Amino acid sequence: MSATITRRIARSTGIISATTAFSRVLGFIRDLIMARLFGTLIEAQAFVVAFRLPNLFRDLVGEGAMASAVVPVLSTYRARNRPEEFWSLSQAVLTQLCVALCLLGALGVVAAPQIVRLIAPGFASDPEKFALTVLLTRILFPFITLAGLWAFFMGLLNTLHHFAVPALGPAILNVAMLAACAWFAPAARPAIIALSVAVLIGGLLQVLIQLPVAARLGFRWGWRWRHPGSPEILRLLGPRMVGSAVYQVNVLVDTALASISSVVGEGAVAVIYFANRFVQLPLALFGSAAAQASLPSLSERAGAEDLPGFGAILSSVLRMVLFVVLPSAAGLVVLSYPIVHGLFEYGAFDARATQMTSQTLAYYALGLGGYSLNKIFTGAFYALRDTRTPVRLAAETVLLNIVLCLALMWPLRVGGLALASAISSTVNAGRLAQRLEQRLGMRLLQPLFDPALRMALASVLMGAACRLAWTLGGLERHPWAGLLFVIGFGVVVYGAACRLLRVQELATAWRWARQIPLVQTFVGE
């Protein structure tokens, strides 16, 4: 893999990770305020269920399906045709998406009661909870339209190797929700209405901030219904949503089963949401960011039929993602209770909610490596324009998750749902890797085994050191400062362990980090 491509992927990953980190910090503050305002009570449960499908759609199109459908086709048109042809294709795709997304948003408003019965069957036994969830679903479902438009412009700008402004979209959404929690929720009746309206406002702003950049790069709005290239993008979009959906669909299944409170415990729907949010931080920072940043380069290598170059890019990305997600998983497992107790247990979020959420978080974290590798392997298949394989494996994985959920939810309650998701996603990652090896005619897993084993051992050492530091240092008396200290301490221990175990990715990580503009500023480059 050329140094130029390495630097480009590293810089793009760094930009996406930095903006994602900013968004996730805002999102964490938002969740902290939500937990204190609503805990795991009726309003929180109703909002989580009502927002589940719109948020699922946003995750699908924003982190996988839209980019993997739009970027390869637009990249090919950009490389082989005149600029006017490229922009004409963009206009046609946008027009068709606008019509389809508006119809989908309207359908959700009309069918809200049926949607709630489908994704939260346990709510039907509580008329108050069911009615509130239906109301919130009708408010929130049009967010699907806005999320789809945001994702289209993100894919368009990513094709042109512009990543910064599109990646700021989630931060804008979090700012709107934060404002609602801080200023408008106390005056609303019920308070959760203000948060739901803020989601729509944030979704609109996500779209609007990208328009000036798209216009500067050459995009002009025009009603264009037909173009020879648009059917290919739209044909790819549906299957790629299915193929990118393993983790999100598993969470949707978890939510549906969590609504059966008599089995998994009252408030389990909100518990699933809060635990999942913690796991989403490293997943978005590293797994999704690396998959998104590498997709244009993988698509270019696939288009040039350079399979050795394709494999080299993919192997490099896989090793670097494992380098960061394995210690992240270890940290979340060993510090799950201190994290939830120290940061969330206040106001309506009581000790029982802390216990349930921390257990669920630890189980979800066990699958962090699988979640991340799924993103990258699925993107690799889409760069090769292979839709069938990831879709078929995704369907099988969802079935496996349902079976595991039904087997584990009785003995482990809500934690069993999270563990089932972790196991099924890890199995899916392994199967995707095997199929990709067959397609490329090269080994991917065997070369990863030795470095991954070293990283895993370093992560275990780091996790043990963090747990000892928390327990012996009496840091629970100052949870915020204590967690910051333990995280910093864990980074140092992990770096030292990787150096001791001769993990080559430690040096590679530093070289990649030096491609990030912010790091260059500090090191004087």
Protein backbone atom coordinates (compact mmCIF):
# COMPACT_ATOMS: atom_id res chain seq x y z
CA MET A 1 0.00 0.00 0.00
CA SER A 2 1.49 3.36 -1.02
CA ALA A 3 2.49 5.91 1.57
CA THR A 4 0.12 8.43 -0.06
CA ILE A 5 -2.91 6.18 0.44
CA THR A 6 -1.82 5.43 4.01
CA ARG A 7 -1.55 9.12 4.83
CA ARG A 8 -4.88 9.87 3.18
CA ILE A 9 -6.74 7.14 5.09
CA ALA A 10 -5.01 8.10 8.34
CA ARG A 11 -5.86 11.77 7.89
CA SER A 12 -9.47 11.01 6.94
CA THR A 13 -9.84 8.58 9.86
CA GLY A 14 -8.39 11.19 12.19
CA ILE A 15 -10.79 13.87 10.97
CA ILE A 16 -13.80 11.56 11.33
CA SER A 17 -12.63 10.32 14.74
CA ALA A 18 -12.02 13.85 16.03
CA THR A 19 -15.44 15.13 14.98
CA THR A 20 -17.06 11.90 16.19
CA ALA A 21 -15.31 12.27 19.55
CA PHE A 22 -16.69 15.80 19.86
CA SER A 23 -20.17 14.51 19.03
CA ARG A 24 -19.88 11.61 21.47
CA VAL A 25 -18.81 13.91 24.30
CA LEU A 26 -21.91 15.99 23.64
CA GLY A 27 -23.96 12.80 23.39
CA PHE A 28 -22.61 11.58 26.69
CA ILE A 29 -23.56 14.85 28.38
CA ARG A 30 -26.99 14.56 26.78
CA ASP A 31 -27.44 11.00 28.05
CA LEU A 32 -26.23 12.05 31.48
CA ILE A 33 -28.90 14.74 31.68
CA MET A 34 -31.53 12.35 30.26
CA ALA A 35 -30.65 9.74 32.87
CA ARG A 36 -31.00 12.25 35.67
CA LEU A 37 -34.26 13.70 34.30
CA PHE A 38 -36.01 10.48 33.33
CA GLY A 39 -34.00 7.56 34.75
CA THR A 40 -35.40 4.28 33.40
CA LEU A 41 -39.04 5.27 34.03
CA ILE A 42 -41.97 5.48 31.60
CA GLU A 43 -40.93 8.63 29.71
CA ALA A 44 -37.41 7.30 29.10
CA GLN A 45 -38.73 3.94 27.93
CA ALA A 46 -41.28 5.57 25.60
CA PHE A 47 -38.63 7.82 24.02
CA VAL A 48 -36.15 4.97 23.54
CA VAL A 49 -38.73 2.85 21.72
CA ALA A 50 -40.11 5.74 19.65
CA PHE A 51 -36.62 6.81 18.58
CA ARG A 52 -35.37 3.27 17.96
CA LEU A 53 -36.44 2.91 14.32
CA PRO A 54 -35.51 6.49 13.24
CA ASN A 55 -32.17 6.18 15.01
CA LEU A 56 -31.62 2.72 13.54
CA PHE A 57 -32.22 4.15 10.07
CA ARG A 58 -29.80 7.00 10.76
CA ASP A 59 -27.11 4.54 11.88
CA LEU A 60 -27.66 2.36 8.83
CA VAL A 61 -27.53 5.07 6.19
CA GLY A 62 -25.07 7.28 8.03
CA GLU A 63 -22.43 4.70 8.92
CA GLY A 64 -22.84 2.10 6.21
CA ALA A 65 -25.52 1.70 3.62
CA MET A 66 -25.73 5.13 1.99
CA ALA A 67 -21.98 5.62 1.82
CA SER A 68 -21.32 2.10 0.54
CA ALA A 69 -23.99 2.50 -2.16
CA VAL A 70 -23.24 6.09 -3.18
CA VAL A 71 -19.45 6.31 -2.88
CA PRO A 72 -18.39 3.43 -5.19
CA VAL A 73 -20.80 4.41 -8.00
CA LEU A 74 -20.15 8.15 -7.76
CA SER A 75 -16.39 7.51 -7.54
CA THR A 76 -16.54 5.52 -10.78
CA TYR A 77 -18.56 8.22 -12.55
CA ARG A 78 -16.21 10.90 -11.31
CA ALA A 79 -13.19 9.02 -12.61
CA ARG A 80 -14.62 8.04 -16.01
CA ASN A 81 -16.96 10.86 -17.01
CA ARG A 82 -17.15 14.61 -17.31
CA PRO A 83 -17.97 16.62 -14.14
CA GLU A 84 -21.37 17.54 -15.61
CA GLU A 85 -22.29 13.85 -15.77
CA PHE A 86 -21.22 13.33 -12.16
CA TRP A 87 -23.41 16.18 -10.92
CA SER A 88 -26.36 15.09 -13.07
CA LEU A 89 -26.24 11.66 -11.44
CA SER A 90 -26.12 13.30 -8.00
CA GLN A 91 -29.22 15.36 -8.78
CA ALA A 92 -31.19 12.33 -9.99
CA VAL A 93 -30.34 10.24 -6.94
CA LEU A 94 -31.25 13.10 -4.59
CA THR A 95 -34.62 13.64 -6.30
CA GLN A 96 -35.61 9.98 -6.07
CA LEU A 97 -34.43 9.73 -2.47
CA CYS A 98 -36.42 12.81 -1.46
CA VAL A 99 -39.66 11.33 -2.76
CA ALA A 100 -39.05 7.90 -1.20
CA LEU A 101 -37.96 9.32 2.16
CA CYS A 102 -40.92 11.68 2.44
CA LEU A 103 -43.32 8.81 1.76
CA LEU A 104 -41.55 6.66 4.36
CA GLY A 105 -41.75 9.41 6.99
CA ALA A 106 -45.46 9.92 6.35
CA LEU A 107 -46.12 6.18 6.51
CA GLY A 108 -44.48 5.99 9.93
CA VAL A 109 -46.71 8.76 11.29
CA VAL A 110 -49.86 6.96 10.13
CA ALA A 111 -48.76 3.48 11.25
CA ALA A 112 -47.32 4.53 14.64
CA PRO A 113 -49.56 2.24 16.78
CA GLN A 114 -48.66 -0.80 14.69
CA ILE A 115 -44.96 0.09 14.81
CA VAL A 116 -45.01 0.30 18.61
CA ARG A 117 -46.78 -3.05 18.89
CA LEU A 118 -44.12 -4.56 16.64
CA ILE A 119 -40.96 -3.25 18.30
CA ALA A 120 -42.22 -3.14 21.90
CA PRO A 121 -44.92 -5.80 22.28
CA GLY A 122 -44.66 -5.68 26.06
CA PHE A 123 -45.92 -2.08 26.12
CA ALA A 124 -49.42 -3.10 24.99
CA SER A 125 -50.25 -4.19 28.54
CA ASP A 126 -49.66 -0.65 29.88
CA PRO A 127 -52.11 1.82 28.20
CA GLU A 128 -50.32 4.94 29.51
CA LYS A 129 -46.89 3.80 28.32
CA PHE A 130 -48.29 2.63 24.98
CA ALA A 131 -50.14 5.90 24.28
CA LEU A 132 -47.08 8.03 25.09
CA THR A 133 -44.86 5.87 22.89
CA VAL A 134 -47.28 6.19 19.96
CA LEU A 135 -47.34 9.99 20.35
CA LEU A 136 -43.55 10.21 20.42
CA THR A 137 -43.27 7.87 17.42
CA ARG A 138 -45.48 10.21 15.39
CA ILE A 139 -43.28 13.16 16.32
CA LEU A 140 -39.98 11.37 15.68
CA PHE A 141 -40.63 9.27 12.58
CA PRO A 142 -40.13 12.15 10.08
CA PHE A 143 -36.55 12.23 11.34
CA ILE A 144 -36.01 9.29 8.96
CA THR A 145 -36.47 11.67 6.01
CA LEU A 146 -33.93 14.14 7.38
CA ALA A 147 -31.44 11.40 8.29
CA GLY A 148 -31.59 9.99 4.76
CA LEU A 149 -30.89 13.39 3.20
CA TRP A 150 -28.01 14.01 5.60
CA ALA A 151 -26.52 10.63 4.72
CA PHE A 152 -26.80 11.31 0.97
CA PHE A 153 -24.88 14.56 1.22
CA MET A 154 -22.34 12.87 3.48
CA GLY A 155 -21.79 10.19 0.82
CA LEU A 156 -21.51 12.85 -1.89
CA LEU A 157 -18.92 14.85 0.05
CA ASN A 158 -17.01 11.71 1.09
CA THR A 159 -16.73 10.81 -2.61
CA LEU A 160 -14.93 14.12 -3.04
CA HIS A 161 -12.72 13.21 -0.02
CA HIS A 162 -14.38 15.84 2.18
CA PHE A 163 -15.10 14.36 5.63
CA ALA A 164 -15.10 17.11 8.26
CA VAL A 165 -18.45 18.89 7.85
CA PRO A 166 -20.53 15.71 7.25
CA ALA A 167 -19.03 14.15 10.38
CA LEU A 168 -20.23 17.16 12.41
CA GLY A 169 -23.88 16.23 11.79
CA PRO A 170 -24.32 14.07 14.92
CA ALA A 171 -22.77 16.85 17.03
CA ILE A 172 -25.40 19.29 15.74
CA LEU A 173 -28.14 16.81 16.66
CA ASN A 174 -26.72 16.43 20.16
CA VAL A 175 -26.56 20.20 20.65
CA ALA A 176 -30.26 20.47 19.80
CA MET A 177 -31.16 17.66 22.22
CA LEU A 178 -28.97 19.16 24.94
CA ALA A 179 -30.73 22.50 24.58
CA ALA A 180 -34.08 20.76 24.91
CA CYS A 181 -33.01 18.90 28.07
CA ALA A 182 -31.53 21.99 29.68
CA TRP A 183 -34.09 24.67 28.83
CA PHE A 184 -37.30 23.39 27.29
CA ALA A 185 -37.99 20.00 28.91
CA PRO A 186 -38.76 21.47 32.37
CA ALA A 187 -41.58 23.56 30.87
CA ALA A 188 -43.09 20.84 28.65
CA ARG A 189 -45.82 18.43 29.74
CA PRO A 190 -44.75 15.72 29.44
CA ALA A 191 -41.13 16.82 29.43
CA ILE A 192 -40.05 14.21 26.91
CA ILE A 193 -42.03 16.03 24.17
CA ALA A 194 -39.42 18.80 24.10
CA LEU A 195 -36.65 16.27 23.52
CA SER A 196 -38.55 14.68 20.64
CA VAL A 197 -39.15 18.00 18.87
CA ALA A 198 -35.46 18.85 19.33
CA VAL A 199 -34.54 15.70 17.42
CA LEU A 200 -36.40 17.00 14.36
CA ILE A 201 -34.75 20.41 14.62
CA GLY A 202 -31.32 18.80 14.94
CA GLY A 203 -32.01 16.56 11.95
CA LEU A 204 -32.86 19.57 9.79
CA LEU A 205 -29.70 21.37 10.85
CA GLN A 206 -27.63 18.28 9.98
CA VAL A 207 -28.74 18.64 6.38
CA LEU A 208 -28.42 22.42 6.18
CA ILE A 209 -24.79 22.63 7.32
CA GLN A 210 -23.68 20.45 4.38
CA LEU A 211 -25.39 22.47 1.64
CA PRO A 212 -22.85 25.35 1.47
CA VAL A 213 -19.94 22.88 1.17
CA ALA A 214 -21.72 20.87 -1.53
CA ALA A 215 -22.51 24.09 -3.44
CA ARG A 216 -18.88 25.24 -3.18
CA LEU A 217 -17.72 21.91 -4.64
CA GLY A 218 -20.13 22.20 -7.59
CA PHE A 219 -23.50 20.76 -6.55
CA ARG A 220 -26.61 22.56 -7.76
CA TRP A 221 -30.18 21.55 -6.98
CA GLY A 222 -32.27 20.53 -9.96
CA TRP A 223 -35.29 18.28 -10.40
CA ARG A 224 -33.93 15.34 -12.37
CA TRP A 225 -35.86 12.09 -12.13
CA ARG A 226 -33.89 9.87 -14.50
CA HIS A 227 -30.21 9.08 -15.02
CA PRO A 228 -28.55 5.85 -16.26
CA GLY A 229 -26.48 5.55 -13.07
CA SER A 230 -29.19 6.17 -10.47
CA PRO A 231 -30.86 2.72 -10.67
CA GLU A 232 -27.57 1.09 -9.67
CA ILE A 233 -27.24 3.22 -6.53
CA LEU A 234 -30.84 2.66 -5.52
CA ARG A 235 -30.57 -1.05 -6.30
CA LEU A 236 -27.55 -1.32 -4.04
CA LEU A 237 -28.99 0.79 -1.22
CA GLY A 238 -31.66 -1.61 0.09
CA PRO A 239 -29.47 -4.73 0.27
CA ARG A 240 -26.58 -2.75 1.71
CA MET A 241 -28.82 -1.46 4.48
CA VAL A 242 -29.55 -5.09 5.35
CA GLY A 243 -25.88 -6.07 5.16
CA SER A 244 -24.79 -3.14 7.34
CA ALA A 245 -27.56 -3.71 9.86
CA VAL A 246 -26.33 -6.63 11.95
CA TYR A 247 -25.47 -4.69 15.08
CA GLN A 248 -28.39 -2.25 14.82
CA VAL A 249 -30.96 -4.97 14.07
CA ASN A 250 -29.65 -6.99 17.00
CA VAL A 251 -30.19 -3.95 19.22
CA LEU A 252 -33.71 -3.63 17.80
CA VAL A 253 -34.36 -7.28 18.69
CA ASP A 254 -32.94 -6.61 22.16
CA THR A 255 -35.32 -3.67 22.56
CA ALA A 256 -38.35 -5.72 21.56
CA LEU A 257 -37.49 -8.49 24.01
CA ALA A 258 -36.52 -5.96 26.71
CA SER A 259 -40.08 -4.63 26.61
CA ILE A 260 -41.16 -7.93 28.24
CA SER A 261 -40.37 -6.59 31.70
CA SER A 262 -41.72 -9.64 33.53
CA VAL A 263 -38.73 -11.63 32.23
CA VAL A 264 -35.84 -9.16 31.92
CA GLY A 265 -36.82 -6.58 34.54
CA GLU A 266 -38.69 -3.27 34.61
CA GLY A 267 -36.85 -0.49 32.76
CA ALA A 268 -34.81 -2.89 30.60
CA VAL A 269 -35.60 -0.92 27.43
CA ALA A 270 -33.88 2.17 28.83
CA VAL A 271 -31.06 0.01 30.23
CA ILE A 272 -30.36 -1.36 26.73
CA TYR A 273 -30.23 2.20 25.41
CA PHE A 274 -27.80 3.57 28.01
CA ALA A 275 -25.49 0.52 27.89
CA ASN A 276 -25.44 0.59 24.11
CA ARG A 277 -24.47 4.27 24.12
CA PHE A 278 -21.23 3.50 25.97
CA VAL A 279 -20.29 0.79 23.47
CA GLN A 280 -21.14 3.08 20.56
CA LEU A 281 -18.35 5.50 21.57
CA PRO A 282 -15.32 3.35 20.65
CA LEU A 283 -17.29 1.70 17.83
CA ALA A 284 -17.97 5.04 16.18
CA LEU A 285 -14.52 6.50 16.92
CA PHE A 286 -12.55 3.60 15.51
CA GLY A 287 -14.61 0.91 13.75
CA SER A 288 -17.06 3.10 11.85
CA ALA A 289 -14.54 5.89 11.24
CA ALA A 290 -11.96 3.50 9.76
CA ALA A 291 -14.57 1.77 7.60
CA GLN A 292 -15.87 5.09 6.29
CA ALA A 293 -12.42 6.55 5.65
CA SER A 294 -11.07 3.46 3.87
CA LEU A 295 -14.11 2.91 1.61
CA PRO A 296 -13.09 5.37 -1.16
CA SER A 297 -9.56 3.90 -1.33
CA LEU A 298 -10.87 0.31 -1.30
CA SER A 299 -13.37 1.22 -4.03
CA GLU A 300 -10.60 2.72 -6.16
CA ARG A 301 -8.41 -0.41 -5.76
CA ALA A 302 -11.38 -2.66 -6.57
CA GLY A 303 -12.26 -0.56 -9.62
CA ALA A 304 -8.66 -0.89 -10.86
CA GLU A 305 -8.81 -4.67 -10.19
CA ASP A 306 -5.79 -4.33 -7.91
CA LEU A 307 -6.64 -7.11 -5.43
CA PRO A 308 -3.15 -7.19 -3.80
CA GLY A 309 -3.43 -3.47 -3.13
CA PHE A 310 -6.99 -3.95 -1.89
CA GLY A 311 -5.83 -6.66 0.51
CA ALA A 312 -2.93 -4.55 1.77
CA ILE A 313 -5.21 -1.62 2.60
CA LEU A 314 -7.73 -3.92 4.30
CA SER A 315 -5.09 -5.73 6.40
CA SER A 316 -3.59 -2.45 7.59
CA VAL A 317 -7.00 -1.09 8.61
CA LEU A 318 -7.94 -4.33 10.40
CA ARG A 319 -4.77 -4.37 12.50
CA MET A 320 -5.12 -0.75 13.51
CA VAL A 321 -8.78 -1.11 14.46
CA LEU A 322 -8.03 -4.15 16.64
CA PHE A 323 -5.20 -2.20 18.24
CA VAL A 324 -7.66 0.31 19.65
CA VAL A 325 -10.92 -1.63 20.12
CA LEU A 326 -9.47 -4.54 22.12
CA PRO A 327 -8.24 -2.32 25.00
CA SER A 328 -11.47 -0.33 24.75
CA ALA A 329 -13.45 -3.52 25.27
CA ALA A 330 -11.28 -4.58 28.22
CA GLY A 331 -11.71 -1.18 29.84
CA LEU A 332 -15.49 -1.22 29.46
CA VAL A 333 -15.73 -4.73 30.94
CA VAL A 334 -13.63 -4.12 34.06
CA LEU A 335 -14.88 -0.58 34.70
CA SER A 336 -18.53 -1.01 33.73
CA TYR A 337 -19.87 -0.55 37.26
CA PRO A 338 -17.62 2.41 38.19
CA ILE A 339 -18.50 4.13 34.90
CA VAL A 340 -22.26 3.79 35.27
CA HIS A 341 -22.32 4.35 39.04
CA GLY A 342 -20.02 7.37 38.98
CA LEU A 343 -21.50 9.12 35.99
CA PHE A 344 -25.21 8.19 35.89
CA GLU A 345 -26.44 7.33 39.39
CA TYR A 346 -28.17 10.52 40.36
CA GLY A 347 -31.74 11.81 40.43
CA ALA A 348 -34.16 9.37 38.77
CA PHE A 349 -31.32 6.96 37.89
CA ASP A 350 -31.16 4.78 41.02
CA ALA A 351 -28.90 1.96 42.27
CA ARG A 352 -31.05 -0.71 40.64
CA ALA A 353 -30.71 1.01 37.26
CA THR A 354 -26.94 1.21 37.80
CA GLN A 355 -26.67 -2.50 38.50
CA MET A 356 -28.70 -3.50 35.45
CA THR A 357 -26.95 -1.06 33.10
CA SER A 358 -23.40 -1.93 34.19
CA GLN A 359 -24.02 -5.65 33.76
CA THR A 360 -25.50 -5.08 30.30
CA LEU A 361 -22.61 -2.81 29.33
CA ALA A 362 -20.03 -5.46 30.26
CA TYR A 363 -21.77 -8.05 28.09
CA TYR A 364 -22.11 -5.68 25.13
CA ALA A 365 -18.41 -4.76 25.40
CA LEU A 366 -17.38 -8.38 24.85
CA GLY A 367 -18.53 -8.02 21.23
CA LEU A 368 -16.81 -4.71 20.47
CA GLY A 369 -14.18 -6.36 18.28
CA GLY A 370 -16.87 -8.21 16.33
CA TYR A 371 -18.98 -5.07 15.87
CA SER A 372 -15.98 -3.14 14.51
CA LEU A 373 -14.75 -5.87 12.16
CA ASN A 374 -18.27 -6.27 10.77
CA LYS A 375 -18.19 -2.62 9.69
CA ILE A 376 -14.88 -3.04 7.88
CA PHE A 377 -15.56 -6.42 6.26
CA THR A 378 -19.00 -5.33 5.07
CA GLY A 379 -17.53 -2.16 3.56
CA ALA A 380 -14.89 -4.28 1.81
CA PHE A 381 -17.57 -6.44 0.18
CA TYR A 382 -19.42 -3.35 -0.96
CA ALA A 383 -16.25 -1.87 -2.44
CA LEU A 384 -16.09 -5.09 -4.47
CA ARG A 385 -19.78 -4.55 -5.37
CA ASP A 386 -20.77 -7.82 -3.71
CA THR A 387 -24.11 -7.30 -2.01
CA ARG A 388 -25.33 -10.87 -1.77
CA THR A 389 -22.74 -12.28 0.66
CA PRO A 390 -23.05 -9.76 3.53
CA VAL A 391 -26.84 -9.67 3.21
CA ARG A 392 -27.15 -13.46 3.47
CA LEU A 393 -24.77 -13.65 6.41
CA ALA A 394 -26.52 -10.73 8.11
CA ALA A 395 -29.88 -12.52 7.89
CA GLU A 396 -28.37 -15.68 9.38
CA THR A 397 -26.75 -13.64 12.17
CA VAL A 398 -30.04 -12.00 13.13
CA LEU A 399 -31.64 -15.45 13.42
CA LEU A 400 -28.73 -16.64 15.57
CA ASN A 401 -29.13 -13.59 17.80
CA ILE A 402 -32.83 -14.27 18.32
CA VAL A 403 -32.13 -17.88 19.30
CA LEU A 404 -29.39 -16.81 21.73
CA CYS A 405 -31.59 -14.07 23.20
CA LEU A 406 -34.37 -16.52 23.92
CA ALA A 407 -31.87 -18.92 25.50
CA LEU A 408 -30.06 -16.33 27.65
CA MET A 409 -32.73 -13.80 28.69
CA TRP A 410 -34.19 -16.05 31.40
CA PRO A 411 -30.95 -16.91 33.28
CA LEU A 412 -29.17 -13.55 32.68
CA ARG A 413 -32.19 -11.26 32.25
CA VAL A 414 -31.35 -8.06 30.33
CA GLY A 415 -27.65 -8.95 30.34
CA GLY A 416 -28.45 -12.07 28.35
CA LEU A 417 -29.77 -9.94 25.49
CA ALA A 418 -26.49 -8.03 25.34
CA LEU A 419 -24.40 -11.21 25.50
CA ALA A 420 -26.42 -12.74 22.65
CA SER A 421 -25.71 -9.67 20.52
CA ALA A 422 -21.98 -9.86 21.29
CA ILE A 423 -21.74 -13.56 20.40
CA SER A 424 -23.75 -13.33 17.16
CA SER A 425 -21.84 -10.27 15.91
CA THR A 426 -18.49 -11.94 16.59
CA VAL A 427 -19.61 -15.07 14.70
CA ASN A 428 -20.72 -12.87 11.80
CA ALA A 429 -17.31 -11.14 11.65
CA GLY A 430 -15.55 -14.49 11.40
CA ARG A 431 -17.82 -15.72 8.62
CA LEU A 432 -17.45 -12.45 6.67
CA ALA A 433 -13.67 -12.79 6.91
CA GLN A 434 -13.73 -16.35 5.59
CA ARG A 435 -15.89 -15.39 2.60
CA LEU A 436 -13.69 -12.39 1.88
CA GLU A 437 -10.59 -14.59 1.94
CA GLN A 438 -12.18 -16.80 -0.70
CA ARG A 439 -13.09 -13.79 -2.83
CA LEU A 440 -9.62 -12.21 -2.66
CA GLY A 441 -7.65 -15.45 -2.80
CA MET A 442 -5.55 -14.37 0.18
CA ARG A 443 -5.47 -14.99 3.93
CA LEU A 444 -6.77 -12.29 6.26
CA LEU A 445 -7.32 -14.03 9.60
CA GLN A 446 -4.10 -16.05 9.88
CA PRO A 447 -1.76 -13.02 9.59
CA LEU A 448 -3.96 -11.25 12.16
CA PHE A 449 -3.76 -14.03 14.74
CA ASP A 450 -0.32 -13.31 16.21
CA PRO A 451 -0.65 -9.49 16.45
CA ALA A 452 -4.24 -9.82 17.73
CA LEU A 453 -3.10 -12.25 20.43
CA ARG A 454 -0.40 -9.82 21.55
CA MET A 455 -2.89 -6.94 21.60
CA ALA A 456 -5.40 -9.04 23.54
CA LEU A 457 -2.78 -9.95 26.16
CA ALA A 458 -1.76 -6.29 26.48
CA SER A 459 -5.45 -5.39 26.86
CA VAL A 460 -5.91 -7.97 29.65
CA LEU A 461 -2.88 -6.57 31.48
CA MET A 462 -4.26 -3.07 31.06
CA GLY A 463 -7.70 -4.10 32.32
CA ALA A 464 -6.25 -5.78 35.40
CA ALA A 465 -4.10 -2.73 36.15
CA CYS A 466 -7.08 -0.39 35.78
CA ARG A 467 -9.22 -2.51 38.09
CA LEU A 468 -6.51 -2.62 40.74
CA ALA A 469 -5.94 1.13 40.47
CA TRP A 470 -9.65 1.80 40.94
CA THR A 471 -10.06 -0.62 43.85
CA LEU A 472 -6.85 0.07 45.77
CA GLY A 473 -6.75 3.79 45.09
CA GLY A 474 -10.15 4.50 46.62
CA LEU A 475 -11.12 6.41 43.48
CA GLU A 476 -14.82 5.71 43.91
CA ARG A 477 -14.97 8.71 46.26
CA HIS A 478 -14.22 11.02 43.32
CA PRO A 479 -15.72 9.15 40.33
CA TRP A 480 -15.25 11.77 37.61
CA ALA A 481 -11.64 12.55 38.42
CA GLY A 482 -11.00 8.91 39.25
CA LEU A 483 -12.23 7.70 35.85
CA LEU A 484 -10.12 10.27 34.01
CA PHE A 485 -7.07 9.15 35.99
CA VAL A 486 -7.75 5.44 35.39
CA ILE A 487 -8.29 5.95 31.65
CA GLY A 488 -5.01 7.86 31.36
CA PHE A 489 -3.26 5.25 33.48
CA GLY A 490 -4.72 2.51 31.28
CA VAL A 491 -3.37 4.14 28.12
CA VAL A 492 0.12 4.25 29.61
CA VAL A 493 -0.07 0.63 30.79
CA TYR A 494 -1.37 -0.53 27.41
CA GLY A 495 1.39 1.31 25.57
CA ALA A 496 4.05 -0.17 27.87
CA ALA A 497 2.57 -3.68 27.52
CA CYS A 498 2.48 -3.36 23.73
CA ARG A 499 6.11 -2.25 23.73
CA LEU A 500 7.06 -5.17 25.97
CA LEU A 501 5.15 -7.64 23.76
CA ARG A 502 6.58 -6.07 20.59
CA VAL A 503 3.24 -5.07 19.10
CA GLN A 504 4.21 -3.42 15.82
CA GLU A 505 0.98 -1.45 15.64
CA LEU A 506 2.22 0.75 18.49
CA ALA A 507 4.73 2.40 16.14
CA THR A 508 2.24 2.34 13.27
CA ALA A 509 -0.36 4.04 15.46
CA TRP A 510 2.06 6.84 16.19
CA ARG A 511 2.84 7.28 12.49
CA TRP A 512 -0.88 7.35 11.71
CA ALA A 513 -1.53 9.79 14.54
CA ARG A 514 1.09 12.14 13.18
CA GLN A 515 -0.97 12.49 10.00
CA ILE A 516 -3.77 14.12 12.01
CA PRO A 517 -3.57 17.93 11.82
CA LEU A 518 -4.18 18.41 15.55
CA VAL A 519 -1.36 16.03 16.47
CA GLN A 520 0.93 17.69 13.94
CA THR A 521 0.33 20.97 15.72
CA PHE A 522 1.48 19.54 19.06
CA VAL A 523 4.55 17.72 17.69
CA GLY A 524 5.61 20.71 15.64
CA GLU A 525 5.18 19.32 12.13
